[in-house]
């Protein structure tokens, strides 16, 4: 870590993008967030990323001579070595975008690209719930679902930087679609997957004359989100509670696979796990303990990420710092 340096982080998600400055993570010197709007292609968002970096440098009064590298955290697939975003499922219009070359040319700074799950794993391991562990798994649980693997204290990257892609594993022969695969882990336990399940369950409930507050939400919005389900469950909606419980069971099946493959001390989960808490994690732990090797499950803690909503910011700064 170089305290004199000021690092630039860019966290690109399917819903929002954040641009941050930091000299001593997890604290931030400045932050700008905007909607990504992936259906409009990458040009708008890239323009806003450049504009936001310029604004933050100006507004914080940072000496440009103290600027370190730029770190970009984004969902995969990516070509980290080439610095190219390769049309992730939640950024389908971002086809082979050379993001590091674009930002390097604009700011004359080194720029690095990393999968958001890998970056999140490093962030939680260094500054969050994974501190003190040597073997840790970090799971993103937002619009998509991915994993970052810390083994023997180091990030496991794999031959093409895609190690740990648990979201692509098929849990069932059919089911909600995630990672372009029906019945995948991402289909069942991501925010996008939960939304698909919720729409299906509300339609089924209407056919069976079951009452749920989500019926009105679906009629008004034309779709549902994981947040809609969470809010309904908090208000006592039984169907919403069942959806979260079933998502927890599916998550537990995925956790059992992770435990059997990597034998971690701790699994740290971001996104929905932070917001839904024990409604989701309770059934997940029970299923994991039932499905995984007993000795491995017994020593594995499953906890929500502690960096909270700032995890993407810290993760992007970690990419910039090369840690």
Protein backbone atom coordinates (compact mmCIF):
# COMPACT_ATOMS: atom_id res chain seq x y z
CA UNK A 1 0.00 0.00 0.00
CA UNK A 2 1.28 3.47 -0.91
CA UNK A 3 -0.37 6.04 1.42
CA UNK A 4 0.81 8.95 -0.70
CA UNK A 5 -1.11 7.70 -3.73
CA UNK A 6 -4.72 8.49 -4.53
CA UNK A 7 -6.39 5.59 -6.32
CA UNK A 8 -9.32 5.74 -8.74
CA UNK A 9 -11.98 3.02 -8.67
CA UNK A 10 -14.77 2.31 -11.15
CA UNK A 11 -17.43 -0.24 -10.17
CA UNK A 12 -19.59 -1.12 -13.19
CA UNK A 13 -22.81 -3.00 -12.45
CA UNK A 14 -25.88 -3.85 -14.46
CA UNK A 15 -27.96 -1.36 -12.46
CA UNK A 16 -25.52 1.33 -11.35
CA UNK A 17 -21.96 2.49 -11.84
CA UNK A 18 -19.88 4.19 -9.14
CA UNK A 19 -16.66 6.16 -9.51
CA UNK A 20 -14.57 6.73 -6.37
CA UNK A 21 -11.29 8.15 -5.12
CA UNK A 22 -9.42 6.76 -2.12
CA UNK A 23 -5.98 7.01 -0.52
CA UNK A 24 -6.69 4.80 2.49
CA UNK A 25 -9.41 2.21 1.82
CA UNK A 26 -12.03 1.47 2.98
CA UNK A 27 -12.44 5.25 3.45
CA UNK A 28 -13.30 7.24 0.31
CA UNK A 29 -12.29 10.80 -0.60
CA UNK A 30 -15.15 11.23 -3.07
CA UNK A 31 -17.85 9.30 -4.91
CA UNK A 32 -20.19 9.74 -7.87
CA UNK A 33 -22.90 7.22 -8.82
CA UNK A 34 -25.15 7.01 -11.87
CA UNK A 35 -27.51 4.52 -13.52
CA UNK A 36 -25.68 2.24 -15.97
CA UNK A 37 -28.65 1.75 -18.38
CA UNK A 38 -27.01 -1.15 -20.26
CA UNK A 39 -29.75 -1.25 -22.90
CA UNK A 40 -28.35 2.05 -24.22
CA UNK A 41 -24.95 0.52 -24.96
CA UNK A 42 -21.59 1.34 -23.36
CA UNK A 43 -20.94 4.78 -24.88
CA UNK A 44 -23.14 6.78 -22.49
CA UNK A 45 -21.77 5.08 -19.37
CA UNK A 46 -18.15 5.37 -20.51
CA UNK A 47 -18.67 9.07 -21.14
CA UNK A 48 -20.08 9.47 -17.63
CA UNK A 49 -17.19 7.49 -16.14
CA UNK A 50 -14.68 9.87 -17.73
CA UNK A 51 -16.71 12.90 -16.69
CA UNK A 52 -17.04 11.61 -13.11
CA UNK A 53 -13.31 10.98 -12.73
CA UNK A 54 -12.52 14.50 -13.96
CA UNK A 55 -15.13 15.95 -11.56
CA UNK A 56 -13.80 14.04 -8.55
CA UNK A 57 -10.20 15.02 -9.24
CA UNK A 58 -11.28 18.67 -9.50
CA UNK A 59 -13.70 18.70 -6.54
CA UNK A 60 -11.29 16.99 -4.12
CA UNK A 61 -8.32 19.10 -5.18
CA UNK A 62 -6.11 16.04 -5.58
CA UNK A 63 -2.64 16.73 -6.95
CA UNK A 64 -2.56 14.84 -10.27
CA UNK A 65 1.02 13.85 -9.54
CA UNK A 66 -0.29 11.76 -6.63
CA UNK A 67 -2.78 9.78 -8.71
CA UNK A 68 -2.16 6.05 -8.81
CA UNK A 69 -3.76 3.56 -11.16
CA UNK A 70 -7.42 3.22 -12.15
CA UNK A 71 -9.16 0.00 -11.10
CA UNK A 72 -12.28 -1.26 -12.90
CA UNK A 73 -14.45 -3.89 -11.26
CA UNK A 74 -17.11 -5.48 -13.48
CA UNK A 75 -19.06 -8.71 -13.83
CA UNK A 76 -17.64 -11.31 -16.20
CA UNK A 77 -16.88 -12.63 -18.68
CA UNK A 78 -13.83 -10.42 -19.06
CA UNK A 79 -10.38 -10.62 -20.57
CA UNK A 80 -8.48 -9.20 -17.62
CA UNK A 81 -5.09 -9.31 -19.34
CA UNK A 82 -6.35 -7.35 -22.37
CA UNK A 83 -8.65 -5.16 -20.25
CA UNK A 84 -11.76 -6.02 -22.27
CA UNK A 85 -15.37 -6.39 -21.06
CA UNK A 86 -16.93 -9.25 -23.05
CA UNK A 87 -20.72 -8.80 -22.91
CA UNK A 88 -21.56 -9.99 -19.36
CA UNK A 89 -25.19 -11.16 -18.97
CA UNK A 90 -26.14 -7.96 -17.12
CA UNK A 91 -24.26 -5.80 -19.67
CA UNK A 92 -25.19 -7.65 -22.84
CA UNK A 93 -24.65 -4.60 -25.07
CA UNK A 94 -21.06 -4.15 -23.83
CA UNK A 95 -19.51 -6.33 -26.52
CA UNK A 96 -15.69 -6.46 -26.38
CA UNK A 97 -15.29 -3.03 -24.78
CA UNK A 98 -11.55 -2.20 -24.28
CA UNK A 99 -12.24 -0.30 -21.07
CA UNK A 100 -8.67 -0.12 -19.77
CA UNK A 101 -7.31 1.22 -23.08
CA UNK A 102 -10.08 3.84 -23.17
CA UNK A 103 -9.37 5.10 -19.65
CA UNK A 104 -5.59 4.86 -20.06
CA UNK A 105 -5.77 7.08 -23.12
CA UNK A 106 -8.05 9.61 -21.37
CA UNK A 107 -6.07 9.94 -18.13
CA UNK A 108 -2.53 8.74 -18.96
CA UNK A 109 -2.69 6.40 -15.95
CA UNK A 110 -2.25 2.66 -15.65
CA UNK A 111 -5.63 0.89 -15.63
CA UNK A 112 -6.53 -2.61 -14.44
CA UNK A 113 -9.69 -4.69 -14.92
CA UNK A 114 -10.96 -7.45 -12.61
CA UNK A 115 -14.07 -9.56 -12.20
CA UNK A 116 -16.30 -8.00 -9.54
CA UNK A 117 -16.50 -11.21 -7.53
CA UNK A 118 -12.70 -11.54 -7.44
CA UNK A 119 -12.35 -7.88 -6.54
CA UNK A 120 -15.02 -8.22 -3.85
CA UNK A 121 -13.23 -11.26 -2.44
CA UNK A 122 -10.01 -9.28 -2.05
CA UNK A 123 -11.88 -6.33 -0.51
CA UNK A 124 -13.68 -8.45 2.09
CA UNK A 125 -10.54 -10.48 2.80
CA UNK A 126 -8.38 -7.38 3.40
CA UNK A 127 -10.90 -4.98 4.93
CA UNK A 128 -14.11 -6.86 5.76
CA UNK A 129 -15.63 -10.11 7.00
CA UNK A 130 -12.80 -12.27 5.65
CA UNK A 131 -10.06 -10.70 7.76
CA UNK A 132 -7.98 -13.31 9.56
CA UNK A 133 -8.85 -16.18 7.21
CA UNK A 134 -6.58 -18.01 4.77
CA UNK A 135 -9.32 -19.85 2.90
CA UNK A 136 -12.37 -17.74 2.06
CA UNK A 137 -15.06 -17.58 -0.60
CA UNK A 138 -16.83 -14.35 -1.50
CA UNK A 139 -20.17 -14.57 -3.30
CA UNK A 140 -21.77 -11.69 -5.14
CA UNK A 141 -25.55 -11.85 -4.90
CA UNK A 142 -26.94 -8.95 -6.86
CA UNK A 143 -28.26 -8.63 -10.39
CA UNK A 144 -26.02 -11.63 -11.14
CA UNK A 145 -24.18 -14.18 -9.03
CA UNK A 146 -20.46 -14.93 -8.94
CA UNK A 147 -17.68 -16.09 -6.66
CA UNK A 148 -14.19 -15.00 -5.74
CA UNK A 149 -11.93 -17.60 -4.17
CA UNK A 150 -9.16 -16.84 -1.67
CA UNK A 151 -7.03 -19.92 -1.06
CA UNK A 152 -3.97 -19.95 1.19
CA UNK A 153 -4.36 -16.17 1.47
CA UNK A 154 -4.25 -15.48 -2.27
CA UNK A 155 -6.82 -14.89 -4.99
CA UNK A 156 -7.37 -17.95 -7.19
CA UNK A 157 -7.61 -16.69 -10.78
CA UNK A 158 -7.38 -19.76 -13.00
CA UNK A 159 -5.87 -20.03 -16.49
CA UNK A 160 -8.15 -17.34 -17.95
CA UNK A 161 -9.05 -15.44 -14.80
CA UNK A 162 -12.41 -17.20 -14.52
CA UNK A 163 -11.89 -19.56 -11.60
CA UNK A 164 -14.82 -19.86 -9.21
CA UNK A 165 -17.67 -19.19 -11.65
CA UNK A 166 -20.22 -20.97 -9.46
CA UNK A 167 -23.04 -19.00 -11.06
CA UNK A 168 -22.67 -20.98 -14.29
CA UNK A 169 -23.13 -24.40 -12.64
CA UNK A 170 -26.49 -25.99 -13.42
CA UNK A 171 -28.55 -26.89 -10.35
CA UNK A 172 -31.65 -28.16 -12.14
CA UNK A 173 -32.51 -29.34 -15.66
CA UNK A 174 -34.84 -26.37 -16.07
CA UNK A 175 -35.72 -23.23 -14.17
CA UNK A 176 -35.05 -19.49 -14.10
CA UNK A 177 -32.34 -18.29 -16.46
CA UNK A 178 -29.05 -16.84 -15.23
CA UNK A 179 -25.67 -16.63 -16.91
CA UNK A 180 -27.53 -17.55 -20.14
CA UNK A 181 -28.35 -20.99 -18.69
CA UNK A 182 -31.75 -22.18 -17.41
CA UNK A 183 -31.61 -23.79 -13.97
CA UNK A 184 -28.15 -22.39 -13.19
CA UNK A 185 -27.04 -21.23 -9.76
CA UNK A 186 -27.30 -17.64 -11.00
CA UNK A 187 -30.80 -18.35 -12.28
CA UNK A 188 -31.95 -19.59 -8.89
CA UNK A 189 -30.20 -17.30 -6.41
CA UNK A 190 -29.34 -13.97 -8.03
CA UNK A 191 -31.58 -10.92 -7.71
CA UNK A 192 -32.53 -11.32 -11.35
CA UNK A 193 -33.34 -14.97 -10.79
CA UNK A 194 -35.45 -14.25 -7.72
CA UNK A 195 -37.42 -11.76 -9.81
CA UNK A 196 -38.13 -14.46 -12.42
CA UNK A 197 -39.26 -16.89 -9.72
CA UNK A 198 -41.45 -14.22 -8.14
CA UNK A 199 -43.28 -13.45 -11.40
CA UNK A 200 -43.90 -17.17 -11.95
CA UNK A 201 -45.14 -17.68 -8.38
CA UNK A 202 -47.47 -14.67 -8.49
CA UNK A 203 -49.00 -15.90 -11.74
CA UNK A 204 -49.49 -19.31 -10.16
CA UNK A 205 -51.00 -17.71 -7.05
CA UNK A 206 -53.56 -15.86 -9.19
CA UNK A 207 -54.61 -19.13 -10.80
CA UNK A 208 -55.07 -20.71 -7.37
CA UNK A 209 -56.79 -17.65 -5.86
CA UNK A 210 -53.97 -17.18 -3.34
CA UNK A 211 -53.70 -13.65 -1.95
CA UNK A 212 -50.39 -11.80 -2.15
CA UNK A 213 -49.51 -8.12 -2.19
CA UNK A 214 -47.11 -8.84 -5.04
CA UNK A 215 -50.06 -9.25 -7.42
CA UNK A 216 -50.76 -5.52 -7.32
CA UNK A 217 -47.05 -4.68 -7.64
CA UNK A 218 -46.74 -6.89 -10.71
CA UNK A 219 -49.84 -5.36 -12.27
CA UNK A 220 -48.52 -1.84 -11.68
CA UNK A 221 -44.89 -2.39 -12.76
CA UNK A 222 -45.27 -5.18 -15.28
CA UNK A 223 -42.43 -7.00 -13.53
CA UNK A 224 -41.02 -7.69 -10.06
CA UNK A 225 -37.64 -7.25 -8.38
CA UNK A 226 -35.89 -8.94 -5.49
CA UNK A 227 -36.42 -5.72 -3.53
CA UNK A 228 -40.19 -6.00 -4.10
CA UNK A 229 -40.09 -9.52 -2.69
CA UNK A 230 -38.01 -8.47 0.31
CA UNK A 231 -40.31 -5.54 1.17
CA UNK A 232 -43.40 -7.72 0.85
CA UNK A 233 -41.89 -10.37 3.15
CA UNK A 234 -41.07 -7.71 5.73
CA UNK A 235 -44.76 -6.71 5.69
CA UNK A 236 -45.80 -10.30 6.38
CA UNK A 237 -46.60 -11.51 2.85
CA UNK A 238 -46.50 -15.31 3.02
CA UNK A 239 -45.78 -15.90 -0.67
CA UNK A 240 -42.84 -13.49 -0.57
CA UNK A 241 -41.50 -15.23 2.54
CA UNK A 242 -41.73 -18.60 0.76
CA UNK A 243 -39.83 -17.24 -2.25
CA UNK A 244 -37.00 -16.02 -0.03
CA UNK A 245 -36.93 -19.33 1.88
CA UNK A 246 -36.76 -21.32 -1.37
CA UNK A 247 -34.03 -19.02 -2.67
CA UNK A 248 -32.17 -19.71 0.57
CA UNK A 249 -32.49 -23.45 0.00
CA UNK A 250 -31.09 -23.10 -3.52
CA UNK A 251 -28.29 -20.92 -2.18
CA UNK A 252 -27.52 -23.65 0.33
CA UNK A 253 -27.17 -26.18 -2.50
CA UNK A 254 -24.64 -23.86 -4.15
CA UNK A 255 -22.82 -23.36 -0.84
CA UNK A 256 -22.51 -27.12 -0.42
CA UNK A 257 -20.80 -27.37 -3.81
CA UNK A 258 -18.41 -24.56 -2.83
CA UNK A 259 -17.66 -26.18 0.54
CA UNK A 260 -16.96 -29.57 -1.02
CA UNK A 261 -14.72 -28.07 -3.72
CA UNK A 262 -12.72 -25.51 -1.74
CA UNK A 263 -13.08 -26.39 1.98
CA UNK A 264 -13.17 -22.71 3.10
CA UNK A 265 -13.13 -21.40 6.64
CA UNK A 266 -15.64 -18.70 5.78
CA UNK A 267 -18.09 -17.86 3.02
CA UNK A 268 -18.89 -14.16 2.80
CA UNK A 269 -21.99 -13.16 0.82
CA UNK A 270 -22.80 -9.68 -0.44
CA UNK A 271 -25.88 -8.10 -1.99
CA UNK A 272 -29.14 -9.81 -1.11
CA UNK A 273 -27.60 -11.57 1.88
CA UNK A 274 -26.81 -8.22 3.48
CA UNK A 275 -30.35 -6.96 2.88
CA UNK A 276 -32.38 -10.11 3.63
CA UNK A 277 -30.25 -11.47 6.47
CA UNK A 278 -31.41 -14.60 8.26
CA UNK A 279 -34.57 -14.97 6.17
CA UNK A 280 -32.19 -16.02 3.41
CA UNK A 281 -29.10 -17.24 5.26
CA UNK A 282 -30.94 -19.43 7.78
CA UNK A 283 -32.31 -21.92 5.24
CA UNK A 284 -29.07 -21.61 3.22
CA UNK A 285 -26.97 -22.79 6.17
CA UNK A 286 -29.36 -25.66 6.94
CA UNK A 287 -29.25 -26.92 3.36
CA UNK A 288 -25.47 -26.53 3.16
CA UNK A 289 -25.00 -28.52 6.37
CA UNK A 290 -27.26 -31.26 5.03
CA UNK A 291 -25.67 -31.44 1.57
CA UNK A 292 -21.93 -30.80 2.15
CA UNK A 293 -19.30 -33.09 3.62
CA UNK A 294 -19.94 -32.92 7.39
CA UNK A 295 -16.35 -32.20 8.47
CA UNK A 296 -16.00 -29.39 5.92
CA UNK A 297 -19.40 -27.87 6.69
CA UNK A 298 -18.70 -27.94 10.43
CA UNK A 299 -15.75 -25.54 10.18
CA UNK A 300 -17.26 -23.18 7.59
CA UNK A 301 -18.94 -19.96 8.69
CA UNK A 302 -21.50 -18.35 6.36
CA UNK A 303 -21.76 -14.60 7.01
CA UNK A 304 -22.95 -11.46 5.21
CA UNK A 305 -20.36 -9.05 3.87
CA UNK A 306 -19.52 -6.29 6.34
CA UNK A 307 -18.41 -3.66 3.87
CA UNK A 308 -22.10 -3.29 3.07
CA UNK A 309 -23.16 -1.17 0.13
CA UNK A 310 -19.61 0.22 -0.13
CA UNK A 311 -18.10 -3.14 -1.10
CA UNK A 312 -18.08 -2.31 -4.82
CA UNK A 313 -16.24 0.94 -4.12
CA UNK A 314 -13.58 -0.78 -2.00
CA UNK A 315 -13.28 -3.63 -4.50
CA UNK A 316 -12.57 -1.25 -7.37
CA UNK A 317 -9.90 0.54 -5.30
CA UNK A 318 -8.31 -2.84 -4.51
CA UNK A 319 -8.09 -3.50 -8.26
CA UNK A 320 -6.40 -0.13 -8.75
CA UNK A 321 -3.91 -0.93 -5.99
CA UNK A 322 -3.16 -4.34 -7.46
CA UNK A 323 -3.97 -6.23 -4.26
